[in-house]
């Protein structure tokens, strides 16, 4: 099952186009002009991880009360995450941990000892970001209820679409309520695509809502 870095971190904390125009009837000159008008423009190339890292949120961006979580090696603790009761997510998981996008950088913070927020920056060609974000968020919001198993722990999950602010070129969001052994935990996932970069925040809903504009503002104006 593909599970994002941000979601892995949340779980760890919780449990511990081509346009074709018919123009055959035009004269040759008109056809050439039409072809020139509809020729696709070159898309911006993806940024590398090194270019993405300075664009991540920092403690200075967030304010007082936030502590950055140090990067930890992937222990494979959640490699056996499985989904039952949601065919679209099961289909999405067939690609395993194959990266969805060309590059990624991530970070995470705790706030006031018991709240968390994680950030991922992804970069790829805009058309790839757009189509795959639609696929990802579409899969997660396709089923209002499903069961996620992490190891031997079954977790009942309820999902609902969430409103998004008018930021960037595209916006996506949903809220998940996970029934954990320690009690229910509500997690919001929001992504904003701006050109060839997508910001994704995962964590306490209030923190995601509070900081998404700041995260998007850190992206280059011409991204």
N, C-alpha and C. Protein backbone atom coordinates (compact mmCIF):
# COMPACT_ATOMS: atom_id res chain seq x y z
N UNK A 1 0.84 -1.19 0.00
CA UNK A 1 0.00 0.00 0.00
C UNK A 1 0.88 1.25 0.00
N UNK A 2 0.70 2.16 -0.95
CA UNK A 2 1.45 3.40 -0.93
C UNK A 2 0.98 4.24 0.24
N UNK A 3 1.90 4.70 1.05
CA UNK A 3 1.55 5.56 2.19
C UNK A 3 2.59 6.65 2.25
N UNK A 4 2.16 7.89 2.29
CA UNK A 4 3.06 9.03 2.19
C UNK A 4 3.92 9.16 3.42
N UNK A 5 5.04 9.91 3.27
CA UNK A 5 5.92 10.16 4.40
C UNK A 5 5.17 10.83 5.53
N UNK A 6 4.33 11.81 5.19
CA UNK A 6 3.57 12.51 6.22
C UNK A 6 2.63 11.58 6.95
N UNK A 7 1.95 10.69 6.21
CA UNK A 7 1.03 9.76 6.84
C UNK A 7 1.78 8.74 7.69
N UNK A 8 2.94 8.28 7.22
CA UNK A 8 3.75 7.37 8.04
C UNK A 8 4.07 8.03 9.38
N UNK A 9 4.46 9.31 9.30
CA UNK A 9 4.84 10.01 10.53
C UNK A 9 3.65 10.19 11.45
N UNK A 10 2.48 10.53 10.89
CA UNK A 10 1.27 10.67 11.68
C UNK A 10 0.92 9.34 12.35
N UNK A 11 1.02 8.24 11.59
CA UNK A 11 0.71 6.93 12.15
C UNK A 11 1.68 6.56 13.27
N UNK A 12 2.98 6.87 13.06
CA UNK A 12 3.97 6.57 14.08
C UNK A 12 3.63 7.29 15.36
N UNK A 13 3.28 8.58 15.24
CA UNK A 13 2.92 9.38 16.41
C UNK A 13 1.66 8.84 17.06
N UNK A 14 0.66 8.49 16.26
CA UNK A 14 -0.62 8.06 16.79
C UNK A 14 -0.55 6.69 17.43
N UNK A 15 0.19 5.78 16.88
CA UNK A 15 0.27 4.42 17.37
C UNK A 15 1.39 4.27 18.36
N UNK A 16 2.33 5.02 18.45
CA UNK A 16 3.26 5.10 19.58
C UNK A 16 2.79 6.33 20.11
N UNK A 17 -1.65 16.21 -21.31
CA UNK A 17 -2.69 16.39 -22.24
C UNK A 17 -2.41 16.88 -23.64
N UNK A 18 -2.98 16.24 -24.58
CA UNK A 18 -2.85 16.66 -25.99
C UNK A 18 -4.21 17.12 -26.54
N UNK A 19 -4.27 18.31 -27.13
CA UNK A 19 -5.52 18.83 -27.71
C UNK A 19 -5.56 18.49 -29.20
N UNK A 20 -6.59 17.75 -29.64
CA UNK A 20 -6.73 17.37 -31.03
C UNK A 20 -7.89 18.15 -31.64
N UNK A 21 -7.63 18.92 -32.68
CA UNK A 21 -8.65 19.73 -33.32
C UNK A 21 -8.86 19.26 -34.75
N UNK A 22 -10.11 19.01 -35.12
CA UNK A 22 -10.39 18.59 -36.49
C UNK A 22 -10.26 19.76 -37.45
N UNK A 23 -9.36 19.66 -38.38
CA UNK A 23 -9.17 20.77 -39.30
C UNK A 23 -8.87 20.25 -40.70
N UNK A 24 -9.39 19.08 -41.07
CA UNK A 24 -9.09 18.48 -42.37
C UNK A 24 -9.71 19.26 -43.52
N UNK A 25 -10.76 20.04 -43.24
CA UNK A 25 -11.41 20.76 -44.33
C UNK A 25 -10.77 22.11 -44.60
N UNK A 26 -9.76 22.52 -43.78
CA UNK A 26 -9.14 23.80 -43.99
C UNK A 26 -8.11 23.70 -45.09
N UNK A 27 -7.80 24.86 -45.70
CA UNK A 27 -6.72 24.89 -46.66
C UNK A 27 -5.42 24.66 -45.93
N UNK A 28 -4.38 24.32 -46.68
CA UNK A 28 -3.11 23.94 -46.07
C UNK A 28 -2.57 25.04 -45.18
N UNK A 29 -2.63 26.29 -45.62
CA UNK A 29 -2.11 27.39 -44.82
C UNK A 29 -2.86 27.51 -43.51
N UNK A 30 -4.21 27.41 -43.59
CA UNK A 30 -5.00 27.50 -42.38
C UNK A 30 -4.71 26.37 -41.43
N UNK A 31 -4.48 25.18 -41.98
CA UNK A 31 -4.16 24.02 -41.15
C UNK A 31 -2.86 24.24 -40.41
N UNK A 32 -1.87 24.80 -41.09
CA UNK A 32 -0.59 25.05 -40.44
C UNK A 32 -0.74 26.09 -39.33
N UNK A 33 -1.55 27.12 -39.58
CA UNK A 33 -1.76 28.14 -38.56
C UNK A 33 -2.48 27.54 -37.35
N UNK A 34 -3.48 26.68 -37.62
CA UNK A 34 -4.20 26.04 -36.52
C UNK A 34 -3.28 25.15 -35.72
N UNK A 35 -2.38 24.43 -36.41
CA UNK A 35 -1.44 23.56 -35.73
C UNK A 35 -0.52 24.36 -34.82
N UNK A 36 -0.09 25.53 -35.31
CA UNK A 36 0.79 26.38 -34.51
C UNK A 36 0.06 26.89 -33.28
N UNK A 37 -1.24 27.23 -33.45
CA UNK A 37 -1.99 27.76 -32.32
C UNK A 37 -2.22 26.71 -31.23
N UNK A 38 -2.37 25.44 -31.65
CA UNK A 38 -2.71 24.38 -30.69
C UNK A 38 -1.49 23.58 -30.24
N UNK A 39 -0.31 23.93 -30.72
CA UNK A 39 0.89 23.20 -30.32
C UNK A 39 1.09 23.35 -28.82
N UNK A 40 1.32 22.25 -28.08
CA UNK A 40 1.50 22.35 -26.64
C UNK A 40 2.77 23.10 -26.28
N UNK A 41 2.70 23.94 -25.27
CA UNK A 41 3.88 24.66 -24.80
C UNK A 41 4.68 23.76 -23.88
N UNK A 42 5.99 24.01 -23.83
CA UNK A 42 6.86 23.20 -22.99
C UNK A 42 6.53 23.45 -21.51
N UNK A 43 6.44 22.38 -20.74
CA UNK A 43 6.13 22.51 -19.32
C UNK A 43 7.41 22.72 -18.51
N UNK A 44 7.31 23.41 -17.38
CA UNK A 44 8.48 23.56 -16.51
C UNK A 44 8.97 22.19 -16.04
N UNK A 45 10.28 22.04 -15.97
CA UNK A 45 10.84 20.77 -15.52
C UNK A 45 10.74 20.66 -13.99
N UNK A 46 10.76 19.44 -13.47
CA UNK A 46 10.71 19.26 -12.02
C UNK A 46 11.94 19.84 -11.35
N UNK A 47 11.77 20.33 -10.12
CA UNK A 47 12.89 20.74 -9.30
C UNK A 47 13.44 19.53 -8.55
N UNK A 48 14.71 19.55 -8.23
CA UNK A 48 15.30 18.48 -7.46
C UNK A 48 15.07 18.66 -5.97
N UNK A 49 15.36 17.62 -5.21
CA UNK A 49 15.16 17.68 -3.75
C UNK A 49 15.93 18.83 -3.13
N UNK A 50 17.15 19.08 -3.62
CA UNK A 50 17.96 20.16 -3.06
C UNK A 50 17.33 21.52 -3.23
N UNK A 51 16.60 21.71 -4.34
CA UNK A 51 15.92 22.99 -4.57
C UNK A 51 14.63 23.10 -3.76
N UNK A 52 14.04 21.95 -3.40
CA UNK A 52 12.80 21.96 -2.63
C UNK A 52 13.03 22.22 -1.15
N UNK A 53 14.14 21.74 -0.61
CA UNK A 53 14.33 21.79 0.85
C UNK A 53 14.28 23.21 1.41
N UNK A 54 14.87 24.22 0.76
CA UNK A 54 14.78 25.57 1.33
C UNK A 54 13.36 26.14 1.32
N UNK A 55 12.46 25.50 0.59
CA UNK A 55 11.08 25.97 0.49
C UNK A 55 10.17 25.38 1.55
N UNK A 56 10.70 24.43 2.34
CA UNK A 56 9.91 23.82 3.41
C UNK A 56 9.67 24.82 4.54
N UNK A 57 8.59 24.60 5.27
CA UNK A 57 8.32 25.40 6.45
C UNK A 57 9.42 25.23 7.49
N UNK A 58 9.68 26.28 8.24
CA UNK A 58 10.67 26.24 9.32
C UNK A 58 10.00 26.68 10.62
N UNK A 59 10.71 26.52 11.72
CA UNK A 59 10.18 26.97 13.01
C UNK A 59 9.90 28.47 12.98
N UNK A 60 10.75 29.22 12.28
CA UNK A 60 10.55 30.67 12.19
C UNK A 60 9.25 31.00 11.45
N UNK A 61 8.89 30.18 10.47
CA UNK A 61 7.64 30.40 9.73
C UNK A 61 6.42 30.12 10.60
N UNK A 62 6.53 29.11 11.47
CA UNK A 62 5.37 28.64 12.22
C UNK A 62 5.11 29.44 13.50
N UNK A 63 6.17 29.94 14.12
CA UNK A 63 6.00 30.68 15.36
C UNK A 63 6.40 29.87 16.58
N UNK A 64 6.08 30.38 17.75
CA UNK A 64 6.48 29.73 19.00
C UNK A 64 5.64 28.48 19.25
N UNK A 65 6.21 27.58 20.00
CA UNK A 65 5.50 26.37 20.40
C UNK A 65 5.72 25.17 19.49
N UNK A 66 6.45 25.36 18.37
CA UNK A 66 6.67 24.27 17.42
C UNK A 66 8.09 23.73 17.58
N UNK A 67 8.21 22.42 17.52
CA UNK A 67 9.50 21.75 17.60
C UNK A 67 9.65 20.86 16.38
N UNK A 68 10.72 21.06 15.62
CA UNK A 68 10.92 20.26 14.42
C UNK A 68 11.32 18.84 14.79
N UNK A 69 10.74 17.89 14.12
CA UNK A 69 11.05 16.47 14.33
C UNK A 69 12.22 16.10 13.45
N UNK A 70 13.24 15.53 14.03
CA UNK A 70 14.41 15.14 13.26
C UNK A 70 14.07 13.98 12.33
N UNK A 71 14.65 14.03 11.12
CA UNK A 71 14.45 12.95 10.17
C UNK A 71 14.96 11.64 10.75
N UNK A 72 14.16 10.59 10.56
CA UNK A 72 14.56 9.26 11.02
C UNK A 72 14.62 8.30 9.85
N UNK A 73 15.49 7.34 9.95
CA UNK A 73 15.59 6.35 8.89
C UNK A 73 14.29 5.56 8.80
N UNK A 74 13.93 5.18 7.58
CA UNK A 74 12.72 4.40 7.37
C UNK A 74 12.95 2.99 7.89
N UNK A 75 12.25 2.63 8.97
CA UNK A 75 12.43 1.32 9.58
C UNK A 75 11.57 0.25 8.93
N UNK A 76 10.68 0.67 8.02
CA UNK A 76 9.78 -0.29 7.40
C UNK A 76 8.62 -0.66 8.29
N UNK A 77 8.42 0.12 9.36
CA UNK A 77 7.38 -0.21 10.35
C UNK A 77 6.00 -0.28 9.72
N UNK A 78 5.76 0.55 8.68
CA UNK A 78 4.44 0.57 8.08
C UNK A 78 4.46 0.08 6.64
N UNK A 79 5.43 -0.77 6.31
CA UNK A 79 5.46 -1.35 4.97
C UNK A 79 4.32 -2.34 4.76
N UNK A 80 3.74 -2.84 5.85
CA UNK A 80 2.68 -3.85 5.74
C UNK A 80 1.30 -3.23 5.93
N UNK A 81 1.18 -1.93 5.70
CA UNK A 81 -0.13 -1.30 5.79
C UNK A 81 -1.03 -1.85 4.68
N UNK A 82 -2.24 -2.22 5.05
CA UNK A 82 -3.19 -2.78 4.08
C UNK A 82 -4.53 -2.08 4.24
N UNK A 83 -5.29 -2.05 3.15
CA UNK A 83 -6.60 -1.41 3.13
C UNK A 83 -7.65 -2.46 2.78
N UNK A 84 -8.75 -2.45 3.52
CA UNK A 84 -9.89 -3.29 3.19
C UNK A 84 -11.14 -2.41 3.12
N UNK A 85 -12.00 -2.71 2.16
CA UNK A 85 -13.27 -2.01 2.09
C UNK A 85 -13.27 -0.77 1.23
N UNK A 86 -12.23 -0.58 0.43
CA UNK A 86 -12.19 0.58 -0.47
C UNK A 86 -11.41 0.19 -1.72
N UNK A 87 -12.10 -0.28 -2.77
CA UNK A 87 -11.41 -0.75 -3.98
C UNK A 87 -10.49 0.30 -4.61
N UNK A 88 -10.87 1.58 -4.58
CA UNK A 88 -10.02 2.59 -5.21
C UNK A 88 -8.68 2.73 -4.50
N UNK A 89 -8.68 2.63 -3.17
CA UNK A 89 -7.43 2.69 -2.43
C UNK A 89 -6.62 1.41 -2.60
N UNK A 90 -7.31 0.29 -2.68
CA UNK A 90 -6.61 -0.97 -2.90
C UNK A 90 -5.91 -0.95 -4.27
N UNK A 91 -6.59 -0.39 -5.27
CA UNK A 91 -5.99 -0.28 -6.60
C UNK A 91 -4.80 0.65 -6.58
N UNK A 92 -4.94 1.79 -5.86
CA UNK A 92 -3.83 2.74 -5.74
C UNK A 92 -2.63 2.07 -5.10
N UNK A 93 -2.88 1.18 -4.15
CA UNK A 93 -1.79 0.53 -3.44
C UNK A 93 -1.06 -0.52 -4.25
N UNK A 94 -1.56 -0.86 -5.45
CA UNK A 94 -0.90 -1.87 -6.27
C UNK A 94 0.50 -1.43 -6.71
N UNK A 95 0.73 -0.11 -6.72
CA UNK A 95 2.05 0.40 -7.10
C UNK A 95 3.01 0.44 -5.92
N UNK A 96 2.56 -0.01 -4.76
CA UNK A 96 3.43 -0.08 -3.60
C UNK A 96 4.01 1.27 -3.25
N UNK A 97 5.31 1.31 -2.96
CA UNK A 97 5.98 2.55 -2.58
C UNK A 97 6.67 3.21 -3.76
N UNK A 98 6.27 2.87 -4.98
CA UNK A 98 6.83 3.54 -6.15
C UNK A 98 6.53 5.03 -6.07
N UNK A 99 7.55 5.90 -6.19
CA UNK A 99 7.31 7.34 -6.07
C UNK A 99 6.29 7.83 -7.09
N UNK A 100 5.37 8.68 -6.63
CA UNK A 100 4.37 9.23 -7.53
C UNK A 100 4.94 10.37 -8.37
N UNK A 101 5.92 11.11 -7.79
CA UNK A 101 6.42 12.30 -8.45
C UNK A 101 7.94 12.24 -8.58
N UNK A 102 8.49 13.16 -9.37
CA UNK A 102 9.91 13.13 -9.69
C UNK A 102 10.79 13.36 -8.46
N UNK A 103 10.37 14.25 -7.56
CA UNK A 103 11.20 14.55 -6.39
C UNK A 103 10.33 14.96 -5.22
N UNK A 104 10.90 14.86 -4.00
CA UNK A 104 10.16 15.17 -2.79
C UNK A 104 11.10 15.62 -1.70
N UNK A 105 10.63 16.53 -0.85
CA UNK A 105 11.32 16.90 0.38
C UNK A 105 10.26 16.99 1.47
N UNK A 106 10.62 16.66 2.70
CA UNK A 106 9.61 16.63 3.76
C UNK A 106 10.18 17.09 5.09
N UNK A 107 9.28 17.48 5.98
CA UNK A 107 9.64 17.85 7.33
C UNK A 107 8.42 17.66 8.22
N UNK A 108 8.61 17.76 9.52
CA UNK A 108 7.48 17.61 10.45
C UNK A 108 7.74 18.34 11.75
N UNK A 109 6.64 18.69 12.43
CA UNK A 109 6.74 19.45 13.67
C UNK A 109 5.71 18.93 14.68
N UNK A 110 6.06 19.06 15.94
CA UNK A 110 5.08 18.87 17.00
C UNK A 110 4.72 20.26 17.53
N UNK A 111 3.51 20.37 18.10
CA UNK A 111 3.06 21.65 18.63
C UNK A 111 2.37 21.42 19.97
N UNK A 112 2.82 22.14 20.96
CA UNK A 112 2.18 22.09 22.28
C UNK A 112 2.07 20.66 22.80
N UNK A 113 3.06 19.86 22.54
CA UNK A 113 3.26 18.49 23.03
C UNK A 113 2.33 17.43 22.45
N UNK A 114 1.13 17.79 21.97
CA UNK A 114 0.20 16.74 21.56
C UNK A 114 -0.38 16.93 20.16
N UNK A 115 0.03 17.96 19.42
CA UNK A 115 -0.46 18.17 18.07
C UNK A 115 0.71 18.06 17.10
N UNK A 116 0.43 17.60 15.90
CA UNK A 116 1.50 17.42 14.92
C UNK A 116 1.09 17.97 13.57
N UNK A 117 2.09 18.32 12.78
CA UNK A 117 1.87 18.71 11.39
C UNK A 117 3.09 18.30 10.57
N UNK A 118 2.83 17.64 9.45
CA UNK A 118 3.90 17.23 8.56
C UNK A 118 3.73 17.92 7.21
N UNK A 119 4.84 18.19 6.54
CA UNK A 119 4.79 18.83 5.23
C UNK A 119 5.59 18.02 4.22
N UNK A 120 5.04 17.88 3.04
CA UNK A 120 5.77 17.31 1.91
C UNK A 120 5.71 18.31 0.75
N UNK A 121 6.83 18.50 0.08
CA UNK A 121 6.88 19.24 -1.18
C UNK A 121 7.20 18.26 -2.28
N UNK A 122 6.37 18.25 -3.32
CA UNK A 122 6.58 17.38 -4.47
C UNK A 122 6.78 18.24 -5.71
N UNK A 123 7.62 17.77 -6.63
CA UNK A 123 7.81 18.50 -7.87
C UNK A 123 7.79 17.54 -9.04
N UNK A 124 7.15 17.97 -10.12
CA UNK A 124 7.09 17.23 -11.36
C UNK A 124 6.54 18.19 -12.42
N UNK A 125 6.38 17.72 -13.64
CA UNK A 125 5.74 18.56 -14.64
C UNK A 125 4.32 18.87 -14.18
N UNK A 126 3.82 20.09 -14.39
CA UNK A 126 2.49 20.46 -13.89
C UNK A 126 1.38 19.48 -14.27
N UNK A 127 1.41 18.97 -15.50
CA UNK A 127 0.35 18.05 -15.91
C UNK A 127 0.41 16.74 -15.12
N UNK A 128 1.62 16.30 -14.79
CA UNK A 128 1.78 15.07 -14.00
C UNK A 128 1.31 15.30 -12.57
N UNK A 129 1.73 16.42 -11.98
CA UNK A 129 1.27 16.74 -10.63
C UNK A 129 -0.26 16.78 -10.57
N UNK A 130 -0.86 17.46 -11.55
CA UNK A 130 -2.31 17.63 -11.56
C UNK A 130 -3.02 16.29 -11.65
N UNK A 131 -2.63 15.46 -12.60
CA UNK A 131 -3.35 14.20 -12.81
C UNK A 131 -3.16 13.24 -11.64
N UNK A 132 -1.96 13.19 -11.09
CA UNK A 132 -1.71 12.24 -10.00
C UNK A 132 -2.28 12.72 -8.68
N UNK A 133 -2.32 14.03 -8.45
CA UNK A 133 -2.98 14.52 -7.25
C UNK A 133 -4.48 14.23 -7.31
N UNK A 134 -5.06 14.40 -8.50
CA UNK A 134 -6.48 14.08 -8.66
C UNK A 134 -6.71 12.59 -8.40
N UNK A 135 -5.81 11.76 -8.90
CA UNK A 135 -5.93 10.33 -8.67
C UNK A 135 -5.82 9.99 -7.19
N UNK A 136 -4.82 10.59 -6.53
CA UNK A 136 -4.57 10.29 -5.12
C UNK A 136 -5.72 10.74 -4.23
N UNK A 137 -6.12 12.00 -4.36
CA UNK A 137 -7.19 12.52 -3.51
C UNK A 137 -8.54 11.91 -3.89
N UNK A 138 -8.72 11.60 -5.17
CA UNK A 138 -9.94 10.93 -5.59
C UNK A 138 -10.08 9.57 -4.95
N UNK A 139 -8.96 8.84 -4.86
CA UNK A 139 -8.99 7.51 -4.25
C UNK A 139 -9.31 7.60 -2.76
N UNK A 140 -8.71 8.57 -2.08
CA UNK A 140 -8.92 8.69 -0.64
C UNK A 140 -10.31 9.19 -0.27
N UNK A 141 -10.96 9.90 -1.17
CA UNK A 141 -12.31 10.42 -0.86
C UNK A 141 -13.40 9.59 -1.51
N UNK A 142 -13.03 8.53 -2.21
CA UNK A 142 -14.02 7.70 -2.90
C UNK A 142 -14.83 6.85 -1.92
N UNK A 143 -14.22 6.53 -0.78
CA UNK A 143 -14.89 5.67 0.19
C UNK A 143 -15.04 6.40 1.52
N UNK A 144 -16.25 6.60 2.00
CA UNK A 144 -16.44 7.31 3.27
C UNK A 144 -15.98 6.49 4.48
N UNK A 145 -15.90 5.17 4.31
CA UNK A 145 -15.45 4.31 5.41
C UNK A 145 -14.58 3.19 4.85
N UNK A 146 -13.52 2.87 5.56
CA UNK A 146 -12.70 1.70 5.21
C UNK A 146 -11.87 1.29 6.43
N UNK A 147 -11.23 0.16 6.33
CA UNK A 147 -10.38 -0.33 7.41
C UNK A 147 -8.94 -0.35 6.96
N UNK A 148 -8.07 0.22 7.75
CA UNK A 148 -6.63 0.19 7.49
C UNK A 148 -5.97 -0.67 8.55
N UNK A 149 -5.15 -1.60 8.13
CA UNK A 149 -4.45 -2.47 9.07
C UNK A 149 -2.97 -2.14 9.04
N UNK A 150 -2.43 -1.73 10.17
CA UNK A 150 -1.00 -1.47 10.31
C UNK A 150 -0.41 -2.58 11.18
N UNK A 151 0.29 -3.53 10.56
CA UNK A 151 0.73 -4.70 11.29
C UNK A 151 -0.48 -5.54 11.64
N UNK A 152 -0.73 -5.74 12.93
CA UNK A 152 -1.90 -6.51 13.36
C UNK A 152 -2.98 -5.60 13.94
N UNK A 153 -2.80 -4.29 13.82
CA UNK A 153 -3.75 -3.35 14.40
C UNK A 153 -4.75 -2.85 13.37
N UNK A 154 -6.03 -3.23 13.48
CA UNK A 154 -7.04 -2.71 12.56
C UNK A 154 -7.48 -1.31 12.98
N UNK A 155 -7.56 -0.40 12.04
CA UNK A 155 -7.94 0.98 12.31
C UNK A 155 -9.12 1.33 11.42
N UNK A 156 -10.25 1.65 12.02
CA UNK A 156 -11.41 2.08 11.25
C UNK A 156 -11.24 3.56 10.89
N UNK A 157 -11.45 3.86 9.60
CA UNK A 157 -11.22 5.22 9.12
C UNK A 157 -12.49 5.76 8.45
N UNK A 158 -12.86 6.98 8.80
CA UNK A 158 -13.95 7.69 8.13
C UNK A 158 -13.35 8.90 7.41
N UNK A 159 -13.79 9.15 6.18
CA UNK A 159 -13.21 10.21 5.36
C UNK A 159 -14.30 11.13 4.83
N UNK A 160 -14.01 12.41 4.82
CA UNK A 160 -14.92 13.39 4.22
C UNK A 160 -14.10 14.45 3.49
N UNK A 161 -14.64 14.92 2.37
CA UNK A 161 -13.98 16.00 1.65
C UNK A 161 -14.01 17.27 2.48
N UNK A 162 -13.01 18.12 2.29
CA UNK A 162 -12.92 19.36 3.05
C UNK A 162 -12.81 20.55 2.12
N UNK A 163 -13.27 21.69 2.59
CA UNK A 163 -13.15 22.92 1.82
C UNK A 163 -11.68 23.32 1.70
N UNK A 164 -11.36 24.03 0.63
CA UNK A 164 -9.98 24.46 0.40
C UNK A 164 -9.94 25.96 0.14
N UNK A 165 -8.85 26.61 0.51
CA UNK A 165 -8.71 28.04 0.22
C UNK A 165 -8.32 28.24 -1.24
N UNK A 166 -8.56 29.43 -1.76
CA UNK A 166 -8.22 29.74 -3.15
C UNK A 166 -6.73 30.09 -3.23
N UNK A 167 -5.92 29.06 -3.33
CA UNK A 167 -4.47 29.23 -3.39
C UNK A 167 -3.92 28.46 -4.59
N UNK A 168 -2.85 28.98 -5.18
CA UNK A 168 -2.18 28.26 -6.26
C UNK A 168 -3.08 28.01 -7.45
N UNK A 169 -2.77 26.92 -8.18
CA UNK A 169 -3.51 26.56 -9.39
C UNK A 169 -4.59 25.52 -9.12
N UNK A 170 -4.36 24.64 -8.15
CA UNK A 170 -5.33 23.60 -7.79
C UNK A 170 -5.23 23.33 -6.30
N UNK A 171 -6.36 22.92 -5.72
CA UNK A 171 -6.39 22.63 -4.29
C UNK A 171 -7.17 21.33 -4.06
N UNK A 172 -6.72 20.56 -3.07
CA UNK A 172 -7.36 19.30 -2.72
C UNK A 172 -7.31 19.15 -1.20
N UNK A 173 -8.35 18.57 -0.60
CA UNK A 173 -8.32 18.36 0.85
C UNK A 173 -9.34 17.32 1.27
N UNK A 174 -9.01 16.56 2.30
CA UNK A 174 -9.96 15.67 2.95
C UNK A 174 -9.57 15.53 4.42
N UNK A 175 -10.54 15.12 5.23
CA UNK A 175 -10.30 14.92 6.66
C UNK A 175 -10.60 13.47 7.00
N UNK A 176 -9.68 12.85 7.74
CA UNK A 176 -9.83 11.45 8.15
C UNK A 176 -9.99 11.37 9.66
N UNK A 177 -10.92 10.53 10.10
CA UNK A 177 -11.06 10.23 11.52
C UNK A 177 -10.66 8.78 11.72
N UNK A 178 -9.56 8.56 12.44
CA UNK A 178 -9.04 7.22 12.67
C UNK A 178 -9.38 6.77 14.08
N UNK A 179 -10.03 5.60 14.19
CA UNK A 179 -10.37 5.04 15.49
C UNK A 179 -9.21 4.19 15.98
N UNK A 180 -8.35 4.79 16.78
CA UNK A 180 -7.16 4.13 17.29
C UNK A 180 -7.43 3.52 18.67
N UNK A 181 -6.58 2.58 19.10
CA UNK A 181 -6.76 2.01 20.44
C UNK A 181 -6.76 3.08 21.53
N UNK A 182 -6.05 4.18 21.29
CA UNK A 182 -5.97 5.26 22.29
C UNK A 182 -7.12 6.25 22.16
N UNK A 183 -7.98 6.06 21.16
CA UNK A 183 -9.09 6.99 20.93
C UNK A 183 -9.09 7.52 19.51
N UNK A 184 -10.10 8.28 19.18
CA UNK A 184 -10.22 8.82 17.82
C UNK A 184 -9.20 9.92 17.59
N UNK A 185 -8.59 9.91 16.39
CA UNK A 185 -7.69 10.98 16.00
C UNK A 185 -8.13 11.52 14.65
N UNK A 186 -8.26 12.84 14.57
CA UNK A 186 -8.69 13.50 13.34
C UNK A 186 -7.47 14.10 12.64
N UNK A 187 -7.31 13.76 11.38
CA UNK A 187 -6.17 14.22 10.59
C UNK A 187 -6.67 14.84 9.30
N UNK A 188 -6.16 16.01 8.98
CA UNK A 188 -6.51 16.68 7.73
C UNK A 188 -5.35 16.62 6.77
N UNK A 189 -5.65 16.34 5.51
CA UNK A 189 -4.64 16.31 4.45
C UNK A 189 -5.04 17.33 3.40
N UNK A 190 -4.15 18.27 3.11
CA UNK A 190 -4.45 19.31 2.12
C UNK A 190 -3.25 19.48 1.19
N UNK A 191 -3.54 19.60 -0.09
CA UNK A 191 -2.48 19.83 -1.08
C UNK A 191 -2.85 21.00 -1.96
N UNK A 192 -1.87 21.81 -2.29
CA UNK A 192 -2.03 22.92 -3.21
C UNK A 192 -0.93 22.81 -4.26
N UNK A 193 -1.36 22.79 -5.52
CA UNK A 193 -0.37 22.78 -6.61
C UNK A 193 -0.19 24.18 -7.15
N UNK A 194 1.07 24.57 -7.27
CA UNK A 194 1.41 25.85 -7.89
C UNK A 194 2.47 25.56 -8.94
N UNK A 195 2.05 25.52 -10.20
CA UNK A 195 2.99 25.21 -11.27
C UNK A 195 3.54 23.81 -11.13
N UNK A 196 4.86 23.71 -11.04
CA UNK A 196 5.51 22.40 -10.98
C UNK A 196 5.86 21.97 -9.56
N UNK A 197 5.22 22.59 -8.54
CA UNK A 197 5.43 22.21 -7.15
C UNK A 197 4.08 22.02 -6.47
N UNK A 198 3.98 21.01 -5.64
CA UNK A 198 2.78 20.80 -4.83
C UNK A 198 3.17 20.77 -3.37
N UNK A 199 2.44 21.54 -2.56
CA UNK A 199 2.59 21.53 -1.11
C UNK A 199 1.54 20.60 -0.53
N UNK A 200 1.94 19.71 0.36
CA UNK A 200 0.98 18.85 1.05
C UNK A 200 1.22 18.95 2.55
N UNK A 201 0.18 19.32 3.29
CA UNK A 201 0.24 19.36 4.75
C UNK A 201 -0.66 18.27 5.31
N UNK A 202 -0.18 17.58 6.34
CA UNK A 202 -0.93 16.51 6.98
C UNK A 202 -0.81 16.69 8.49
N UNK A 203 -1.95 16.70 9.18
CA UNK A 203 -1.87 16.81 10.63
C UNK A 203 -3.14 17.32 11.25
N UNK A 204 -3.01 17.94 12.43
CA UNK A 204 -4.16 18.49 13.13
C UNK A 204 -4.86 19.50 12.23
N UNK A 205 -6.19 19.37 12.03
CA UNK A 205 -6.89 20.25 11.10
C UNK A 205 -6.64 21.73 11.32
N UNK A 206 -6.64 22.19 12.56
CA UNK A 206 -6.43 23.61 12.83
C UNK A 206 -5.05 24.07 12.39
N UNK A 207 -4.04 23.20 12.55
CA UNK A 207 -2.68 23.57 12.15
C UNK A 207 -2.54 23.59 10.63
N UNK A 208 -3.16 22.63 9.97
CA UNK A 208 -3.12 22.61 8.50
C UNK A 208 -3.77 23.86 7.94
N UNK A 209 -4.95 24.21 8.45
CA UNK A 209 -5.64 25.41 7.99
C UNK A 209 -4.83 26.68 8.28
N UNK A 210 -4.16 26.69 9.41
CA UNK A 210 -3.44 27.89 9.83
C UNK A 210 -2.20 28.15 8.98
N UNK A 211 -1.55 27.08 8.50
CA UNK A 211 -0.24 27.26 7.88
C UNK A 211 -0.18 26.99 6.38
N UNK A 212 -1.28 26.59 5.76
CA UNK A 212 -1.22 26.26 4.33
C UNK A 212 -0.85 27.49 3.49
N UNK A 213 -1.40 28.66 3.82
CA UNK A 213 -1.07 29.86 3.04
C UNK A 213 0.40 30.22 3.17
N UNK A 214 0.96 30.07 4.37
CA UNK A 214 2.38 30.35 4.57
C UNK A 214 3.24 29.40 3.76
N UNK A 215 2.84 28.13 3.72
CA UNK A 215 3.60 27.13 2.95
C UNK A 215 3.58 27.46 1.47
N UNK A 216 2.42 27.86 0.95
CA UNK A 216 2.31 28.19 -0.48
C UNK A 216 3.08 29.47 -0.78
N UNK A 217 3.06 30.43 0.13
CA UNK A 217 3.76 31.70 -0.09
C UNK A 217 5.27 31.51 -0.21
N UNK A 218 5.81 30.41 0.32
CA UNK A 218 7.24 30.18 0.24
C UNK A 218 7.67 29.68 -1.14
N UNK A 219 6.71 29.28 -1.97
CA UNK A 219 7.06 28.76 -3.30
C UNK A 219 7.46 29.91 -4.21
N UNK A 220 8.34 29.65 -5.19
CA UNK A 220 8.75 30.70 -6.12
C UNK A 220 7.55 31.23 -6.90
N UNK A 221 7.57 32.50 -7.22
CA UNK A 221 6.46 33.14 -7.94
C UNK A 221 6.27 32.53 -9.31
N UNK A 222 7.37 32.04 -9.92
CA UNK A 222 7.27 31.50 -11.29
C UNK A 222 7.25 29.99 -11.32
N UNK A 223 6.93 29.35 -10.19
CA UNK A 223 6.91 27.88 -10.18
C UNK A 223 5.70 27.35 -10.93
